[in-house]
C-alpha atoms as a PDB file:
ATOM      1  CA  MET A   1       0.000   0.000   0.000  1.00  0.00           C
ATOM      2  CA  SER A   2       1.266   3.458  -0.867  1.00  0.00           C
ATOM      3  CA  ASP A   3       1.926   6.081   1.794  1.00  0.00           C
ATOM      4  CA  ARG A   4       1.282   8.831  -0.732  1.00  0.00           C
ATOM      5  CA  ILE A   5      -1.277  11.409   0.408  1.00  0.00           C
ATOM      6  CA  ILE A   6      -3.829  12.343  -2.213  1.00  0.00           C
ATOM      7  CA  ALA A   7      -5.059  15.925  -2.078  1.00  0.00           C
ATOM      8  CA  PRO A   8      -8.826  16.431  -2.117  1.00  0.00           C
ATOM      9  CA  LEU A   9     -10.418  17.782  -5.293  1.00  0.00           C
ATOM     10  CA  ASP A  10     -12.489  20.950  -5.440  1.00  0.00           C
ATOM     11  CA  ILE A  11     -15.210  19.306  -7.520  1.00  0.00           C
ATOM     12  CA  GLU A  12     -16.908  22.593  -8.409  1.00  0.00           C
ATOM     13  CA  ASP A  13     -13.623  23.928  -9.794  1.00  0.00           C
ATOM     14  CA  VAL A  14     -12.891  20.736 -11.745  1.00  0.00           C
ATOM     15  CA  LEU A  15     -16.435  20.665 -13.163  1.00  0.00           C
ATOM     16  CA  GLN A  16     -16.220  24.355 -14.111  1.00  0.00           C
ATOM     17  CA  LYS A  17     -13.001  23.770 -16.056  1.00  0.00           C
ATOM     18  CA  ASP A  18     -14.320  20.654 -17.795  1.00  0.00           C
ATOM     19  CA  LEU A  19     -17.654  22.279 -18.711  1.00  0.00           C
ATOM     20  CA  THR A  20     -15.938  25.422 -20.001  1.00  0.00           C
ATOM     21  CA  THR A  21     -13.638  23.367 -22.228  1.00  0.00           C
ATOM     22  CA  MET A  22     -16.376  21.057 -23.510  1.00  0.00           C
ATOM     23  CA  ALA A  23     -18.905  23.871 -24.062  1.00  0.00           C
ATOM     24  CA  ALA A  24     -16.379  25.682 -26.258  1.00  0.00           C
ATOM     25  CA  ARG A  25     -15.688  22.473 -28.211  1.00  0.00           C
ATOM     26  CA  CYS A  26     -19.441  22.019 -28.730  1.00  0.00           C
ATOM     27  CA  GLY A  27     -19.914  25.600 -29.907  1.00  0.00           C
ATOM     28  CA  LEU A  28     -21.895  26.634 -26.819  1.00  0.00           C
ATOM     29  CA  THR A  29     -21.108  30.200 -25.788  1.00  0.00           C
ATOM     30  CA  ILE A  30     -21.790  30.425 -22.051  1.00  0.00           C
ATOM     31  CA  GLY A  31     -20.011  31.800 -19.024  1.00  0.00           C
ATOM     32  CA  ILE A  32     -19.465  29.216 -16.298  1.00  0.00           C
ATOM     33  CA  GLY A  33     -18.386  29.928 -12.744  1.00  0.00           C
ATOM     34  CA  GLY A  34     -18.894  29.266  -9.094  1.00  0.00           C
ATOM     35  CA  THR A  35     -20.260  31.434  -6.363  1.00  0.00           C
ATOM     36  CA  PRO A  36     -20.626  34.286  -5.827  1.00  0.00           C
ATOM     37  CA  ILE A  37     -22.707  35.118  -8.889  1.00  0.00           C
ATOM     38  CA  PRO A  38     -21.073  37.977 -10.835  1.00  0.00           C
ATOM     39  CA  ALA A  39     -22.433  41.437 -10.015  1.00  0.00           C
ATOM     40  CA  ASP A  40     -22.724  42.117 -13.767  1.00  0.00           C
ATOM     41  CA  LEU A  41     -24.654  38.883 -14.445  1.00  0.00           C
ATOM     42  CA  GLY A  42     -27.051  40.636 -16.823  1.00  0.00           C
ATOM     43  CA  LYS A  43     -24.140  41.546 -19.092  1.00  0.00           C
ATOM     44  CA  THR A  44     -22.645  38.034 -19.201  1.00  0.00           C
ATOM     45  CA  LEU A  45     -25.674  35.915 -20.161  1.00  0.00           C
ATOM     46  CA  PRO A  46     -26.046  33.048 -20.658  1.00  0.00           C
ATOM     47  CA  TYR A  47     -24.265  32.053 -17.468  1.00  0.00           C
ATOM     48  CA  ALA A  48     -24.093  28.825 -15.459  1.00  0.00           C
ATOM     49  CA  VAL A  49     -23.298  28.769 -11.743  1.00  0.00           C
ATOM     50  CA  ILE A  50     -22.005  25.583 -10.096  1.00  0.00           C
ATOM     51  CA  TYR A  51     -23.038  25.180  -6.451  1.00  0.00           C
ATOM     52  CA  GLY A  52     -21.988  22.558  -3.948  1.00  0.00           C
ATOM     53  CA  VAL A  53     -25.288  21.554  -2.334  1.00  0.00           C
ATOM     54  CA  GLY A  54     -24.272  18.818   0.049  1.00  0.00           C
ATOM     55  CA  GLY A  55     -22.732  15.433   0.425  1.00  0.00           C
ATOM     56  CA  PHE A  56     -21.516  12.980   3.012  1.00  0.00           C
ATOM     57  CA  ARG A  57     -18.534  10.833   3.932  1.00  0.00           C
ATOM     58  CA  SER A  58     -18.782   7.484   2.113  1.00  0.00           C
ATOM     59  CA  SER A  59     -15.653   5.961   3.604  1.00  0.00           C
ATOM     60  CA  LYS A  60     -12.335   6.988   5.136  1.00  0.00           C
ATOM     61  CA  VAL A  61     -11.112   8.183   1.749  1.00  0.00           C
ATOM     62  CA  VAL A  62     -14.224   9.017  -0.274  1.00  0.00           C
ATOM     63  CA  ASP A  63     -16.711  11.841   0.142  1.00  0.00           C
ATOM     64  CA  THR A  64     -19.922  11.900  -1.858  1.00  0.00           C
ATOM     65  CA  HIS A  65     -20.561  15.357  -3.227  1.00  0.00           C
ATOM     66  CA  ALA A  66     -23.762  16.802  -4.738  1.00  0.00           C
ATOM     67  CA  VAL A  67     -23.708  19.811  -7.044  1.00  0.00           C
ATOM     68  CA  SER A  68     -26.298  21.965  -8.752  1.00  0.00           C
ATOM     69  CA  ILE A  69     -25.768  23.763 -12.040  1.00  0.00           C
ATOM     70  CA  ASP A  70     -28.073  26.774 -12.350  1.00  0.00           C
ATOM     71  CA  VAL A  71     -28.336  28.471 -15.742  1.00  0.00           C
ATOM     72  CA  TYR A  72     -29.367  32.093 -16.202  1.00  0.00           C
ATOM     73  CA  ASP A  73     -30.366  33.850 -19.425  1.00  0.00           C
ATOM     74  CA  ARG A  74     -32.567  36.703 -20.633  1.00  0.00           C
ATOM     75  CA  ARG A  75     -35.582  34.408 -21.031  1.00  0.00           C
ATOM     76  CA  TRP A  76     -36.643  31.132 -19.444  1.00  0.00           C
ATOM     77  CA  ASP A  77     -36.653  29.235 -22.755  1.00  0.00           C
ATOM     78  CA  LEU A  78     -33.097  30.353 -23.536  1.00  0.00           C
ATOM     79  CA  ALA A  79     -31.928  29.313 -20.072  1.00  0.00           C
ATOM     80  CA  MET A  80     -33.587  25.905 -20.474  1.00  0.00           C
ATOM     81  CA  ALA A  81     -31.993  25.398 -23.901  1.00  0.00           C
ATOM     82  CA  ALA A  82     -28.530  26.184 -22.519  1.00  0.00           C
ATOM     83  CA  ALA A  83     -29.199  23.992 -19.465  1.00  0.00           C
ATOM     84  CA  GLY A  84     -30.162  21.084 -21.729  1.00  0.00           C
ATOM     85  CA  LYS A  85     -26.922  21.433 -23.682  1.00  0.00           C
ATOM     86  CA  LEU A  86     -24.900  21.549 -20.449  1.00  0.00           C
ATOM     87  CA  ALA A  87     -26.756  18.472 -19.195  1.00  0.00           C
ATOM     88  CA  GLY A  88     -25.678  16.640 -22.342  1.00  0.00           C
ATOM     89  CA  ILE A  89     -22.076  17.647 -21.695  1.00  0.00           C
ATOM     90  CA  VAL A  90     -22.291  16.467 -18.071  1.00  0.00           C
ATOM     91  CA  GLU A  91     -23.695  13.139 -19.273  1.00  0.00           C
ATOM     92  CA  PHE A  92     -20.730  12.818 -21.635  1.00  0.00           C
ATOM     93  CA  LEU A  93     -18.274  13.599 -18.816  1.00  0.00           C
ATOM     94  CA  VAL A  94     -19.734  10.912 -16.576  1.00  0.00           C
END
């Protein structure tokens, strides 16, 4: 067994980087970030915010982590369209 210590991952940060890269590859123009929501949100739409919403310790070395991805846009239908595209990217990443 290795004595190497593995640093914990900031899952929101990792997901933000992966989604940003994949959205660009898929031609989806969207800002993606964590909290806090940008003060100029109305100028940066569409925009997705990744929130950590909970989780629990699964074992000595594994934590289960739940996240929410909230998408904002000028209209509900535009936000839902962008959210659907991001959901497809998340499905691909899993």
